[in-house]
Amino acid sequence: MIRTIEIPVVMLTIVDNKNMGFALGASDYITKPVEKARLVSLLNKYRCGDDTCPILVVEDDHATRKMMTEMLDGHGWEVIEAANGRIALERIGRKTSYRDPAGFNDARY
């Protein structure tokens, strides 16, 4: 079983409420819109030490998820995409009965 507590979570959101983000367990917090250079710089402090490190992008909006993937691709990140939290947990190898409150359980990725 993967211990998710050891996985850094960077919250990227339109909601400007860092306290809530940190209370939810975020390691870092950025508000949208975000510039590519700022995002890459922030994420670099979580690098794994290899030439290419895995990163999981969880975003329900397909276009935004693809934009984030393009921002990180080629900067030493192996991007793994997920359309919601349930899919994200499956991607990291943890099966769950998570019910997505936003209703994106059947989202295609």
C-alpha atoms as a PDB file:
ATOM      1  CA  MET A   1       0.000   0.000   0.000  1.00  0.00           C
ATOM      2  CA  ILE A   2       1.274   3.459  -0.904  1.00  0.00           C
ATOM      3  CA  ARG A   3       1.505   5.924   1.949  1.00  0.00           C
ATOM      4  CA  THR A   4      -0.012   9.075   0.472  1.00  0.00           C
ATOM      5  CA  ILE A   5       1.016  11.180   3.468  1.00  0.00           C
ATOM      6  CA  GLU A   6       4.555  11.146   2.060  1.00  0.00           C
ATOM      7  CA  ILE A   7       3.424  12.536  -1.323  1.00  0.00           C
ATOM      8  CA  PRO A   8       3.740  16.326  -1.569  1.00  0.00           C
ATOM      9  CA  VAL A   9       0.549  17.997  -2.796  1.00  0.00           C
ATOM     10  CA  VAL A  10       0.727  21.359  -4.534  1.00  0.00           C
ATOM     11  CA  MET A  11      -2.714  22.932  -4.700  1.00  0.00           C
ATOM     12  CA  LEU A  12      -3.299  25.070  -7.794  1.00  0.00           C
ATOM     13  CA  THR A  13      -6.673  26.773  -7.552  1.00  0.00           C
ATOM     14  CA  ILE A  14      -8.650  29.921  -8.280  1.00  0.00           C
ATOM     15  CA  VAL A  15      -9.608  30.160  -4.593  1.00  0.00           C
ATOM     16  CA  ASP A  16      -7.249  32.488  -2.736  1.00  0.00           C
ATOM     17  CA  ASN A  17      -7.354  30.761   0.648  1.00  0.00           C
ATOM     18  CA  LYS A  18      -3.938  29.386   1.571  1.00  0.00           C
ATOM     19  CA  ASN A  19      -5.021  28.570   5.121  1.00  0.00           C
ATOM     20  CA  MET A  20      -7.709  26.230   3.829  1.00  0.00           C
ATOM     21  CA  GLY A  21      -5.250  24.612   1.409  1.00  0.00           C
ATOM     22  CA  PHE A  22      -2.712  23.968   4.125  1.00  0.00           C
ATOM     23  CA  ALA A  23      -5.447  22.725   6.492  1.00  0.00           C
ATOM     24  CA  LEU A  24      -6.385  20.208   3.785  1.00  0.00           C
ATOM     25  CA  GLY A  25      -2.797  18.961   3.743  1.00  0.00           C
ATOM     26  CA  ALA A  26      -1.276  20.857   0.823  1.00  0.00           C
ATOM     27  CA  SER A  27       2.511  21.172   0.829  1.00  0.00           C
ATOM     28  CA  ASP A  28       2.306  24.317  -1.301  1.00  0.00           C
ATOM     29  CA  TYR A  29      -0.453  26.517  -2.660  1.00  0.00           C
ATOM     30  CA  ILE A  30      -0.651  28.633  -5.840  1.00  0.00           C
ATOM     31  CA  THR A  31      -3.572  30.576  -7.260  1.00  0.00           C
ATOM     32  CA  LYS A  32      -4.557  30.461 -10.940  1.00  0.00           C
ATOM     33  CA  PRO A  33      -3.651  31.744 -13.391  1.00  0.00           C
ATOM     34  CA  VAL A  34      -0.041  30.703 -12.964  1.00  0.00           C
ATOM     35  CA  GLU A  35       2.914  31.356 -15.216  1.00  0.00           C
ATOM     36  CA  LYS A  36       4.899  28.377 -16.458  1.00  0.00           C
ATOM     37  CA  ALA A  37       8.207  29.608 -14.987  1.00  0.00           C
ATOM     38  CA  ARG A  38       6.649  30.130 -11.547  1.00  0.00           C
ATOM     39  CA  LEU A  39       5.046  26.670 -11.542  1.00  0.00           C
ATOM     40  CA  VAL A  40       8.186  24.871 -12.703  1.00  0.00           C
ATOM     41  CA  SER A  41      10.281  26.764 -10.145  1.00  0.00           C
ATOM     42  CA  LEU A  42       7.940  25.868  -7.283  1.00  0.00           C
ATOM     43  CA  LEU A  43       7.725  22.210  -8.289  1.00  0.00           C
ATOM     44  CA  ASN A  44      11.499  21.876  -8.582  1.00  0.00           C
ATOM     45  CA  LYS A  45      11.796  21.822  -4.787  1.00  0.00           C
ATOM     46  CA  TYR A  46       9.879  18.516  -4.846  1.00  0.00           C
ATOM     47  CA  ARG A  47      12.081  16.815  -7.445  1.00  0.00           C
ATOM     48  CA  CYS A  48      12.928  13.175  -6.840  1.00  0.00           C
ATOM     49  CA  GLY A  49      16.629  13.451  -7.691  1.00  0.00           C
ATOM     50  CA  ASP A  50      16.416  11.551 -10.991  1.00  0.00           C
ATOM     51  CA  ASP A  51      16.606  13.125 -14.447  1.00  0.00           C
ATOM     52  CA  THR A  52      12.873  12.552 -14.895  1.00  0.00           C
ATOM     53  CA  CYS A  53      10.465  12.542 -11.955  1.00  0.00           C
ATOM     54  CA  PRO A  54       6.828  11.479 -11.934  1.00  0.00           C
ATOM     55  CA  ILE A  55       4.194  14.126 -11.275  1.00  0.00           C
ATOM     56  CA  LEU A  56       0.454  13.596 -11.057  1.00  0.00           C
ATOM     57  CA  VAL A  57      -1.768  16.339 -12.483  1.00  0.00           C
ATOM     58  CA  VAL A  58      -5.336  16.079 -11.146  1.00  0.00           C
ATOM     59  CA  GLU A  59      -7.753  18.379 -12.950  1.00  0.00           C
ATOM     60  CA  ASP A  60     -11.362  17.777 -13.970  1.00  0.00           C
ATOM     61  CA  ASP A  61     -11.260  20.182 -16.916  1.00  0.00           C
ATOM     62  CA  HIS A  62      -9.681  18.370 -19.872  1.00  0.00           C
ATOM     63  CA  ALA A  63      -8.304  21.522 -21.555  1.00  0.00           C
ATOM     64  CA  THR A  64      -6.723  22.792 -18.331  1.00  0.00           C
ATOM     65  CA  ARG A  65      -5.246  19.361 -17.582  1.00  0.00           C
ATOM     66  CA  LYS A  66      -3.662  19.235 -21.056  1.00  0.00           C
ATOM     67  CA  MET A  67      -2.298  22.776 -20.641  1.00  0.00           C
ATOM     68  CA  MET A  68      -0.715  21.815 -17.304  1.00  0.00           C
ATOM     69  CA  THR A  69       0.768  18.683 -18.875  1.00  0.00           C
ATOM     70  CA  GLU A  70       2.298  20.749 -21.685  1.00  0.00           C
ATOM     71  CA  MET A  71       3.718  23.232 -19.156  1.00  0.00           C
ATOM     72  CA  LEU A  72       5.550  20.453 -17.296  1.00  0.00           C
ATOM     73  CA  ASP A  73       6.505  18.163 -20.167  1.00  0.00           C
ATOM     74  CA  GLY A  74      10.122  18.616 -21.156  1.00  0.00           C
ATOM     75  CA  HIS A  75      11.111  20.121 -17.808  1.00  0.00           C
ATOM     76  CA  GLY A  76      12.194  16.868 -16.203  1.00  0.00           C
ATOM     77  CA  TRP A  77       8.709  15.685 -15.268  1.00  0.00           C
ATOM     78  CA  GLU A  78       6.958  12.509 -16.368  1.00  0.00           C
ATOM     79  CA  VAL A  79       3.362  13.732 -16.266  1.00  0.00           C
ATOM     80  CA  ILE A  80       0.610  11.351 -15.200  1.00  0.00           C
ATOM     81  CA  GLU A  81      -2.905  12.720 -15.677  1.00  0.00           C
ATOM     82  CA  ALA A  82      -6.098  12.140 -13.704  1.00  0.00           C
ATOM     83  CA  ALA A  83      -9.530  13.683 -14.174  1.00  0.00           C
ATOM     84  CA  ASN A  84     -10.529  13.399 -10.499  1.00  0.00           C
ATOM     85  CA  GLY A  85      -9.414  12.217  -7.068  1.00  0.00           C
ATOM     86  CA  ARG A  86     -10.579   8.623  -7.518  1.00  0.00           C
ATOM     87  CA  ILE A  87      -8.594   8.250 -10.732  1.00  0.00           C
ATOM     88  CA  ALA A  88      -5.607   9.960  -9.099  1.00  0.00           C
ATOM     89  CA  LEU A  89      -5.575   7.416  -6.279  1.00  0.00           C
ATOM     90  CA  GLU A  90      -5.815   4.595  -8.818  1.00  0.00           C
ATOM     91  CA  ARG A  91      -2.891   6.104 -10.713  1.00  0.00           C
ATOM     92  CA  ILE A  92      -0.703   5.962  -7.619  1.00  0.00           C
ATOM     93  CA  GLY A  93      -1.706   2.370  -7.012  1.00  0.00           C
ATOM     94  CA  ARG A  94      -4.243   2.728  -4.257  1.00  0.00           C
ATOM     95  CA  LYS A  95      -7.725   1.360  -4.884  1.00  0.00           C
ATOM     96  CA  THR A  96     -10.430   3.338  -3.142  1.00  0.00           C
ATOM     97  CA  SER A  97     -14.158   3.733  -2.750  1.00  0.00           C
ATOM     98  CA  TYR A  98     -13.759   7.517  -3.053  1.00  0.00           C
ATOM     99  CA  ARG A  99     -16.931   9.323  -4.121  1.00  0.00           C
ATOM    100  CA  ASP A 100     -16.106  12.520  -5.969  1.00  0.00           C
ATOM    101  CA  PRO A 101     -18.386  15.268  -4.593  1.00  0.00           C
ATOM    102  CA  ALA A 102     -18.147  17.189  -7.875  1.00  0.00           C
ATOM    103  CA  GLY A 103     -19.685  14.234  -9.729  1.00  0.00           C
ATOM    104  CA  PHE A 104     -16.739  13.480 -12.004  1.00  0.00           C
ATOM    105  CA  ASN A 105     -16.562   9.757 -11.157  1.00  0.00           C
ATOM    106  CA  ASP A 106     -17.220   8.769 -14.762  1.00  0.00           C
ATOM    107  CA  ALA A 107     -14.869  11.304 -16.341  1.00  0.00           C
ATOM    108  CA  ARG A 108     -12.756   9.982 -19.176  1.00  0.00           C
ATOM    109  CA  TYR A 109      -9.051  10.729 -19.258  1.00  0.00           C
END
